[in-house]
Amino acid sequence: MKEVLSAIDLIVIGISRIIDTGIFVITSVATTEKFCLAVVLSYILAKISLCFCGNFYAELAYIFPIIGSTYNYIYMLMKKLIAWTIG
């Protein structure tokens, strides 16, 4: 596969991940004083679901490299009505 990300793209992705982690940490610290276990479990489940979602889009981008939106991915995999409903 051809490399398409430059060094600047990778730096921006890294910075956005740091900001994302900071937001999750700040909100979890603020809410764990009242709802400790529920907050921890919800963040764990959210991160797991985000990993699955990221893997799903990576697989679709590998299978259909020309298209790039959710509507187009669902349109290629399913029917037009389902794609219109989702997209």
PDB file of N, CA and C in Angstrom:
ATOM      1  N   MET A   1       0.827  -1.182   0.000  1.00  0.00           N
ATOM      2  CA  MET A   1       0.000   0.000   0.000  1.00  0.00           C
ATOM      3  C   MET A   1       0.872   1.247   0.000  1.00  0.00           C
ATOM      4  N   LYS A   2       0.371   2.263  -0.626  1.00  0.00           N
ATOM      5  CA  LYS A   2       1.103   3.519  -0.739  1.00  0.00           C
ATOM      6  C   LYS A   2       0.919   4.350   0.532  1.00  0.00           C
ATOM      7  N   GLU A   3       1.992   4.972   0.983  1.00  0.00           N
ATOM      8  CA  GLU A   3       1.916   5.838   2.161  1.00  0.00           C
ATOM      9  C   GLU A   3       1.249   7.156   1.772  1.00  0.00           C
ATOM     10  N   VAL A   4       0.279   7.569   2.578  1.00  0.00           N
ATOM     11  CA  VAL A   4      -0.423   8.806   2.253  1.00  0.00           C
ATOM     12  C   VAL A   4      -0.345   9.827   3.376  1.00  0.00           C
ATOM     13  N   LEU A   5       0.073   9.422   4.568  1.00  0.00           N
ATOM     14  CA  LEU A   5       0.161  10.358   5.688  1.00  0.00           C
ATOM     15  C   LEU A   5       1.562  10.953   5.762  1.00  0.00           C
ATOM     16  N   SER A   6       1.604  12.255   5.913  1.00  0.00           N
ATOM     17  CA  SER A   6       2.899  12.914   6.066  1.00  0.00           C
ATOM     18  C   SER A   6       3.243  13.027   7.545  1.00  0.00           C
ATOM     19  N   ALA A   7       4.396  13.593   7.835  1.00  0.00           N
ATOM     20  CA  ALA A   7       4.814  13.764   9.225  1.00  0.00           C
ATOM     21  C   ALA A   7       3.886  14.732   9.961  1.00  0.00           C
ATOM     22  N   ILE A   8       3.428  15.750   9.288  1.00  0.00           N
ATOM     23  CA  ILE A   8       2.509  16.718   9.914  1.00  0.00           C
ATOM     24  C   ILE A   8       1.185  16.045  10.255  1.00  0.00           C
ATOM     25  N   ASP A   9       0.691  15.176   9.364  1.00  0.00           N
ATOM     26  CA  ASP A   9      -0.549  14.451   9.642  1.00  0.00           C
ATOM     27  C   ASP A   9      -0.410  13.591  10.894  1.00  0.00           C
ATOM     28  N   LEU A  10       0.694  12.900  11.016  1.00  0.00           N
ATOM     29  CA  LEU A  10       0.925  12.051  12.188  1.00  0.00           C
ATOM     30  C   LEU A  10       1.039  12.872  13.472  1.00  0.00           C
ATOM     31  N   ILE A  11       1.659  14.038  13.388  1.00  0.00           N
ATOM     32  CA  ILE A  11       1.770  14.913  14.567  1.00  0.00           C
ATOM     33  C   ILE A  11       0.390  15.404  14.995  1.00  0.00           C
ATOM     34  N   VAL A  12      -0.433  15.804  14.026  1.00  0.00           N
ATOM     35  CA  VAL A  12      -1.790  16.268  14.344  1.00  0.00           C
ATOM     36  C   VAL A  12      -2.621  15.145  14.951  1.00  0.00           C
ATOM     37  N   ILE A  13      -2.500  13.939  14.428  1.00  0.00           N
ATOM     38  CA  ILE A  13      -3.217  12.793  15.000  1.00  0.00           C
ATOM     39  C   ILE A  13      -2.763  12.551  16.432  1.00  0.00           C
ATOM     40  N   GLY A  14      -1.457  12.615  16.691  1.00  0.00           N
ATOM     41  CA  GLY A  14      -0.949  12.427  18.044  1.00  0.00           C
ATOM     42  C   GLY A  14      -1.448  13.481  19.015  1.00  0.00           C
ATOM     43  N   ILE A  15      -1.449  14.728  18.581  1.00  0.00           N
ATOM     44  CA  ILE A  15      -1.941  15.812  19.445  1.00  0.00           C
ATOM     45  C   ILE A  15      -3.429  15.646  19.733  1.00  0.00           C
ATOM     46  N   SER A  16      -4.207  15.258  18.729  1.00  0.00           N
ATOM     47  CA  SER A  16      -5.645  15.066  18.954  1.00  0.00           C
ATOM     48  C   SER A  16      -5.905  13.907  19.907  1.00  0.00           C
ATOM     49  N   ARG A  17      -5.086  12.865  19.870  1.00  0.00           N
ATOM     50  CA  ARG A  17      -5.237  11.760  20.813  1.00  0.00           C
ATOM     51  C   ARG A  17      -4.903  12.211  22.232  1.00  0.00           C
ATOM     52  N   ILE A  18      -3.914  13.068  22.384  1.00  0.00           N
ATOM     53  CA  ILE A  18      -3.566  13.577  23.712  1.00  0.00           C
ATOM     54  C   ILE A  18      -4.710  14.425  24.262  1.00  0.00           C
ATOM     55  N   ILE A  19      -5.281  15.277  23.425  1.00  0.00           N
ATOM     56  CA  ILE A  19      -6.410  16.100  23.859  1.00  0.00           C
ATOM     57  C   ILE A  19      -7.602  15.217  24.212  1.00  0.00           C
ATOM     58  N   ASP A  20      -7.864  14.208  23.396  1.00  0.00           N
ATOM     59  CA  ASP A  20      -8.959  13.280  23.650  1.00  0.00           C
ATOM     60  C   ASP A  20      -8.780  12.576  24.988  1.00  0.00           C
ATOM     61  N   THR A  21      -7.600  12.113  25.263  1.00  0.00           N
ATOM     62  CA  THR A  21      -7.327  11.456  26.538  1.00  0.00           C
ATOM     63  C   THR A  21      -7.489  12.426  27.697  1.00  0.00           C
ATOM     64  N   GLY A  22      -7.049  13.661  27.530  1.00  0.00           N
ATOM     65  CA  GLY A  22      -7.204  14.662  28.581  1.00  0.00           C
ATOM     66  C   GLY A  22      -8.657  14.942  28.903  1.00  0.00           C
ATOM     67  N   ILE A  23      -9.493  15.010  27.862  1.00  0.00           N
ATOM     68  CA  ILE A  23     -10.919  15.243  28.094  1.00  0.00           C
ATOM     69  C   ILE A  23     -11.528  14.079  28.849  1.00  0.00           C
ATOM     70  N   PHE A  24     -11.183  12.852  28.461  1.00  0.00           N
ATOM     71  CA  PHE A  24     -11.710  11.691  29.158  1.00  0.00           C
ATOM     72  C   PHE A  24     -11.243  11.656  30.610  1.00  0.00           C
ATOM     73  N   VAL A  25      -9.993  12.002  30.857  1.00  0.00           N
ATOM     74  CA  VAL A  25      -9.476  11.965  32.230  1.00  0.00           C
ATOM     75  C   VAL A  25     -10.131  13.030  33.096  1.00  0.00           C
ATOM     76  N   ILE A  26     -10.259  14.242  32.580  1.00  0.00           N
ATOM     77  CA  ILE A  26     -10.855  15.338  33.364  1.00  0.00           C
ATOM     78  C   ILE A  26     -12.300  15.017  33.741  1.00  0.00           C
ATOM     79  N   THR A  27     -13.079  14.549  32.768  1.00  0.00           N
ATOM     80  CA  THR A  27     -14.474  14.243  33.079  1.00  0.00           C
ATOM     81  C   THR A  27     -14.598  13.042  34.002  1.00  0.00           C
ATOM     82  N   SER A  28     -13.728  12.070  33.846  1.00  0.00           N
ATOM     83  CA  SER A  28     -13.827  10.897  34.726  1.00  0.00           C
ATOM     84  C   SER A  28     -13.405  11.238  36.144  1.00  0.00           C
ATOM     85  N   VAL A  29     -12.403  12.094  36.316  1.00  0.00           N
ATOM     86  CA  VAL A  29     -11.994  12.495  37.666  1.00  0.00           C
ATOM     87  C   VAL A  29     -13.096  13.300  38.332  1.00  0.00           C
ATOM     88  N   ALA A  30     -13.758  14.152  37.568  1.00  0.00           N
ATOM     89  CA  ALA A  30     -14.811  14.988  38.144  1.00  0.00           C
ATOM     90  C   ALA A  30     -16.039  14.175  38.540  1.00  0.00           C
ATOM     91  N   THR A  31     -16.339  13.119  37.821  1.00  0.00           N
ATOM     92  CA  THR A  31     -17.554  12.366  38.110  1.00  0.00           C
ATOM     93  C   THR A  31     -17.344  11.135  38.974  1.00  0.00           C
ATOM     94  N   THR A  32     -16.120  10.680  39.137  1.00  0.00           N
ATOM     95  CA  THR A  32     -15.902   9.475  39.941  1.00  0.00           C
ATOM     96  C   THR A  32     -16.156   9.715  41.417  1.00  0.00           C
ATOM     97  N   GLU A  33     -16.181  10.950  41.842  1.00  0.00           N
ATOM     98  CA  GLU A  33     -16.473  11.212  43.247  1.00  0.00           C
ATOM     99  C   GLU A  33     -17.910  10.825  43.590  1.00  0.00           C
ATOM    100  N   LYS A  34     -18.821  10.875  42.604  1.00  0.00           N
ATOM    101  CA  LYS A  34     -20.217  10.545  42.868  1.00  0.00           C
ATOM    102  C   LYS A  34     -20.620   9.183  42.317  1.00  0.00           C
ATOM    103  N   PHE A  35     -20.147   8.842  41.120  1.00  0.00           N
ATOM    104  CA  PHE A  35     -20.582   7.618  40.451  1.00  0.00           C
ATOM    105  C   PHE A  35     -19.376   6.788  40.024  1.00  0.00           C
ATOM    106  N   CYS A  36     -18.620   6.315  40.947  1.00  0.00           N
ATOM    107  CA  CYS A  36     -17.311   5.735  40.672  1.00  0.00           C
ATOM    108  C   CYS A  36     -17.361   4.554  39.707  1.00  0.00           C
ATOM    109  N   LEU A  37     -17.982   3.479  40.062  1.00  0.00           N
ATOM    110  CA  LEU A  37     -17.926   2.265  39.258  1.00  0.00           C
ATOM    111  C   LEU A  37     -18.662   2.420  37.928  1.00  0.00           C
ATOM    112  N   ALA A  38     -19.793   3.082  37.935  1.00  0.00           N
ATOM    113  CA  ALA A  38     -20.564   3.250  36.704  1.00  0.00           C
ATOM    114  C   ALA A  38     -19.792   4.062  35.669  1.00  0.00           C
ATOM    115  N   VAL A  39     -19.102   5.081  36.099  1.00  0.00           N
ATOM    116  CA  VAL A  39     -18.338   5.918  35.174  1.00  0.00           C
ATOM    117  C   VAL A  39     -17.165   5.140  34.594  1.00  0.00           C
ATOM    118  N   VAL A  40     -16.476   4.417  35.423  1.00  0.00           N
ATOM    119  CA  VAL A  40     -15.326   3.641  34.953  1.00  0.00           C
ATOM    120  C   VAL A  40     -15.775   2.597  33.933  1.00  0.00           C
ATOM    121  N   LEU A  41     -16.844   1.889  34.226  1.00  0.00           N
ATOM    122  CA  LEU A  41     -17.337   0.874  33.298  1.00  0.00           C
ATOM    123  C   LEU A  41     -17.845   1.498  31.998  1.00  0.00           C
ATOM    124  N   SER A  42     -18.492   2.636  32.081  1.00  0.00           N
ATOM    125  CA  SER A  42     -18.991   3.272  30.860  1.00  0.00           C
ATOM    126  C   SER A  42     -17.840   3.751  29.975  1.00  0.00           C
ATOM    127  N   TYR A  43     -16.771   4.252  30.566  1.00  0.00           N
ATOM    128  CA  TYR A  43     -15.624   4.674  29.766  1.00  0.00           C
ATOM    129  C   TYR A  43     -14.918   3.481  29.141  1.00  0.00           C
ATOM    130  N   ILE A  44     -14.836   2.384  29.872  1.00  0.00           N
ATOM    131  CA  ILE A  44     -14.222   1.182  29.313  1.00  0.00           C
ATOM    132  C   ILE A  44     -15.046   0.677  28.130  1.00  0.00           C
ATOM    133  N   LEU A  45     -16.349   0.615  28.296  1.00  0.00           N
ATOM    134  CA  LEU A  45     -17.211   0.167  27.192  1.00  0.00           C
ATOM    135  C   LEU A  45     -17.160   1.131  26.009  1.00  0.00           C
ATOM    136  N   ALA A  46     -17.084   2.430  26.280  1.00  0.00           N
ATOM    137  CA  ALA A  46     -16.999   3.404  25.190  1.00  0.00           C
ATOM    138  C   ALA A  46     -15.701   3.240  24.405  1.00  0.00           C
ATOM    139  N   LYS A  47     -14.606   3.042  25.079  1.00  0.00           N
ATOM    140  CA  LYS A  47     -13.323   2.868  24.388  1.00  0.00           C
ATOM    141  C   LYS A  47     -13.296   1.575  23.579  1.00  0.00           C
ATOM    142  N   ILE A  48     -13.880   0.513  24.115  1.00  0.00           N
ATOM    143  CA  ILE A  48     -13.936  -0.753  23.379  1.00  0.00           C
ATOM    144  C   ILE A  48     -14.782  -0.588  22.115  1.00  0.00           C
ATOM    145  N   SER A  49     -15.930   0.070  22.247  1.00  0.00           N
ATOM    146  CA  SER A  49     -16.781   0.271  21.074  1.00  0.00           C
ATOM    147  C   SER A  49     -16.106   1.175  20.040  1.00  0.00           C
ATOM    148  N   LEU A  50     -15.346   2.173  20.487  1.00  0.00           N
ATOM    149  CA  LEU A  50     -14.619   3.029  19.546  1.00  0.00           C
ATOM    150  C   LEU A  50     -13.539   2.253  18.804  1.00  0.00           C
ATOM    151  N   CYS A  51     -12.898   1.315  19.488  1.00  0.00           N
ATOM    152  CA  CYS A  51     -11.894   0.473  18.823  1.00  0.00           C
ATOM    153  C   CYS A  51     -12.545  -0.380  17.733  1.00  0.00           C
ATOM    154  N   PHE A  52     -13.710  -0.961  18.034  1.00  0.00           N
ATOM    155  CA  PHE A  52     -14.422  -1.745  17.021  1.00  0.00           C
ATOM    156  C   PHE A  52     -14.855  -0.871  15.855  1.00  0.00           C
ATOM    157  N   CYS A  53     -15.327   0.319  16.149  1.00  0.00           N
ATOM    158  CA  CYS A  53     -15.759   1.231  15.090  1.00  0.00           C
ATOM    159  C   CYS A  53     -14.581   1.637  14.207  1.00  0.00           C
ATOM    160  N   GLY A  54     -13.442   1.919  14.802  1.00  0.00           N
ATOM    161  CA  GLY A  54     -12.250   2.265  14.034  1.00  0.00           C
ATOM    162  C   GLY A  54     -11.782   1.117  13.157  1.00  0.00           C
ATOM    163  N   ASN A  55     -11.819  -0.092  13.699  1.00  0.00           N
ATOM    164  CA  ASN A  55     -11.448  -1.261  12.904  1.00  0.00           C
ATOM    165  C   ASN A  55     -12.429  -1.489  11.760  1.00  0.00           C
ATOM    166  N   PHE A  56     -13.705  -1.248  12.010  1.00  0.00           N
ATOM    167  CA  PHE A  56     -14.714  -1.395  10.972  1.00  0.00           C
ATOM    168  C   PHE A  56     -14.451  -0.451   9.802  1.00  0.00           C
ATOM    169  N   TYR A  57     -14.192   0.816  10.095  1.00  0.00           N
ATOM    170  CA  TYR A  57     -13.926   1.779   9.028  1.00  0.00           C
ATOM    171  C   TYR A  57     -12.592   1.515   8.336  1.00  0.00           C
ATOM    172  N   ALA A  58     -11.619   1.002   9.065  1.00  0.00           N
ATOM    173  CA  ALA A  58     -10.343   0.654   8.432  1.00  0.00           C
ATOM    174  C   ALA A  58     -10.531  -0.504   7.451  1.00  0.00           C
ATOM    175  N   GLU A  59     -11.311  -1.495   7.837  1.00  0.00           N
ATOM    176  CA  GLU A  59     -11.593  -2.608   6.934  1.00  0.00           C
ATOM    177  C   GLU A  59     -12.360  -2.140   5.698  1.00  0.00           C
ATOM    178  N   LEU A  60     -13.346  -1.269   5.901  1.00  0.00           N
ATOM    179  CA  LEU A  60     -14.103  -0.767   4.756  1.00  0.00           C
ATOM    180  C   LEU A  60     -13.238   0.085   3.833  1.00  0.00           C
ATOM    181  N   ALA A  61     -12.341   0.862   4.400  1.00  0.00           N
ATOM    182  CA  ALA A  61     -11.446   1.676   3.574  1.00  0.00           C
ATOM    183  C   ALA A  61     -10.486   0.800   2.783  1.00  0.00           C
ATOM    184  N   TYR A  62     -10.140  -0.359   3.338  1.00  0.00           N
ATOM    185  CA  TYR A  62      -9.273  -1.290   2.616  1.00  0.00           C
ATOM    186  C   TYR A  62     -10.045  -2.003   1.505  1.00  0.00           C
ATOM    187  N   ILE A  63     -11.310  -2.362   1.780  1.00  0.00           N
ATOM    188  CA  ILE A  63     -12.109  -3.074   0.787  1.00  0.00           C
ATOM    189  C   ILE A  63     -12.545  -2.143  -0.340  1.00  0.00           C
ATOM    190  N   PHE A  64     -13.004  -0.932   0.012  1.00  0.00           N
ATOM    191  CA  PHE A  64     -13.475   0.041  -0.967  1.00  0.00           C
ATOM    192  C   PHE A  64     -12.608   1.297  -0.875  1.00  0.00           C
ATOM    193  N   PRO A  65     -11.418   1.314  -1.489  1.00  0.00           N
ATOM    194  CA  PRO A  65     -10.502   2.445  -1.294  1.00  0.00           C
ATOM    195  C   PRO A  65     -10.927   3.729  -1.993  1.00  0.00           C
ATOM    196  N   ILE A  66     -11.852   3.679  -2.917  1.00  0.00           N
ATOM    197  CA  ILE A  66     -12.219   4.869  -3.684  1.00  0.00           C
ATOM    198  C   ILE A  66     -13.182   5.751  -2.902  1.00  0.00           C
ATOM    199  N   ILE A  67     -14.130   5.151  -2.214  1.00  0.00           N
ATOM    200  CA  ILE A  67     -15.161   5.904  -1.519  1.00  0.00           C
ATOM    201  C   ILE A  67     -14.728   6.218  -0.100  1.00  0.00           C
ATOM    202  N   GLY A  68     -15.398   7.166   0.551  1.00  0.00           N
ATOM    203  CA  GLY A  68     -14.923   7.551   1.858  1.00  0.00           C
ATOM    204  C   GLY A  68     -15.951   8.004   2.862  1.00  0.00           C
ATOM    205  N   SER A  69     -17.238   7.921   2.547  1.00  0.00           N
ATOM    206  CA  SER A  69     -18.226   8.365   3.523  1.00  0.00           C
ATOM    207  C   SER A  69     -19.024   7.171   4.031  1.00  0.00           C
ATOM    208  N   THR A  70     -19.701   7.370   5.146  1.00  0.00           N
ATOM    209  CA  THR A  70     -20.504   6.301   5.724  1.00  0.00           C
ATOM    210  C   THR A  70     -21.600   5.882   4.760  1.00  0.00           C
ATOM    211  N   TYR A  71     -22.239   6.842   4.114  1.00  0.00           N
ATOM    212  CA  TYR A  71     -23.296   6.524   3.158  1.00  0.00           C
ATOM    213  C   TYR A  71     -22.783   5.590   2.059  1.00  0.00           C
ATOM    214  N   ASN A  72     -21.628   5.899   1.506  1.00  0.00           N
ATOM    215  CA  ASN A  72     -21.092   5.080   0.418  1.00  0.00           C
ATOM    216  C   ASN A  72     -20.705   3.684   0.890  1.00  0.00           C
ATOM    217  N   TYR A  73     -20.127   3.572   2.074  1.00  0.00           N
ATOM    218  CA  TYR A  73     -19.775   2.257   2.604  1.00  0.00           C
ATOM    219  C   TYR A  73     -21.024   1.399   2.776  1.00  0.00           C
ATOM    220  N   ILE A  74     -22.052   1.956   3.407  1.00  0.00           N
ATOM    221  CA  ILE A  74     -23.272   1.199   3.637  1.00  0.00           C
ATOM    222  C   ILE A  74     -23.978   0.907   2.322  1.00  0.00           C
ATOM    223  N   TYR A  75     -23.929   1.837   1.380  1.00  0.00           N
ATOM    224  CA  TYR A  75     -24.546   1.620   0.067  1.00  0.00           C
ATOM    225  C   TYR A  75     -23.895   0.455  -0.659  1.00  0.00           C
ATOM    226  N   MET A  76     -22.580   0.333  -0.556  1.00  0.00           N
ATOM    227  CA  MET A  76     -21.883  -0.781  -1.204  1.00  0.00           C
ATOM    228  C   MET A  76     -22.166  -2.107  -0.509  1.00  0.00           C
ATOM    229  N   LEU A  77     -22.361  -2.088   0.801  1.00  0.00           N
ATOM    230  CA  LEU A  77     -22.573  -3.324   1.542  1.00  0.00           C
ATOM    231  C   LEU A  77     -24.039  -3.725   1.636  1.00  0.00           C
ATOM    232  N   MET A  78     -24.931  -2.760   1.688  1.00  0.00           N
ATOM    233  CA  MET A  78     -26.353  -3.036   1.891  1.00  0.00           C
ATOM    234  C   MET A  78     -27.168  -2.329   0.816  1.00  0.00           C
ATOM    235  N   LYS A  79     -28.435  -2.155   1.046  1.00  0.00           N
ATOM    236  CA  LYS A  79     -29.315  -1.528   0.066  1.00  0.00           C
ATOM    237  C   LYS A  79     -29.314  -0.006   0.186  1.00  0.00           C
ATOM    238  N   LYS A  80     -29.940   0.620  -0.795  1.00  0.00           N
ATOM    239  CA  LYS A  80     -29.962   2.080  -0.861  1.00  0.00           C
ATOM    240  C   LYS A  80     -30.783   2.695   0.282  1.00  0.00           C
ATOM    241  N   LEU A  81     -31.892   2.067   0.662  1.00  0.00           N
ATOM    242  CA  LEU A  81     -32.742   2.612   1.723  1.00  0.00           C
ATOM    243  C   LEU A  81     -32.016   2.616   3.065  1.00  0.00           C
ATOM    244  N   ILE A  82     -31.302   1.546   3.350  1.00  0.00           N
ATOM    245  CA  ILE A  82     -30.554   1.479   4.609  1.00  0.00           C
ATOM    246  C   ILE A  82     -29.442   2.529   4.612  1.00  0.00           C
ATOM    247  N   ALA A  83     -28.758   2.684   3.481  1.00  0.00           N
ATOM    248  CA  ALA A  83     -27.710   3.697   3.394  1.00  0.00           C
ATOM    249  C   ALA A  83     -28.279   5.099   3.562  1.00  0.00           C
ATOM    250  N   TRP A  84     -29.426   5.355   2.968  1.00  0.00           N
ATOM    251  CA  TRP A  84     -30.056   6.677   3.112  1.00  0.00           C
ATOM    252  C   TRP A  84     -30.463   6.927   4.565  1.00  0.00           C
ATOM    253  N   THR A  85     -30.965   5.887   5.246  1.00  0.00           N
ATOM    254  CA  THR A  85     -31.376   6.029   6.636  1.00  0.00           C
ATOM    255  C   THR A  85     -30.181   6.310   7.535  1.00  0.00           C
ATOM    256  N   ILE A  86     -29.082   5.628   7.317  1.00  0.00           N
ATOM    257  CA  ILE A  86     -27.887   5.795   8.155  1.00  0.00           C
ATOM    258  C   ILE A  86     -27.147   7.077   7.797  1.00  0.00           C
ATOM    259  N   GLY A  87     -26.956   7.342   6.528  1.00  0.00           N
ATOM    260  CA  GLY A  87     -26.135   8.454   6.097  1.00  0.00           C
ATOM    261  C   GLY A  87     -26.852   9.748   6.101  1.00  0.00           C
TER     262      GLY A  87
END
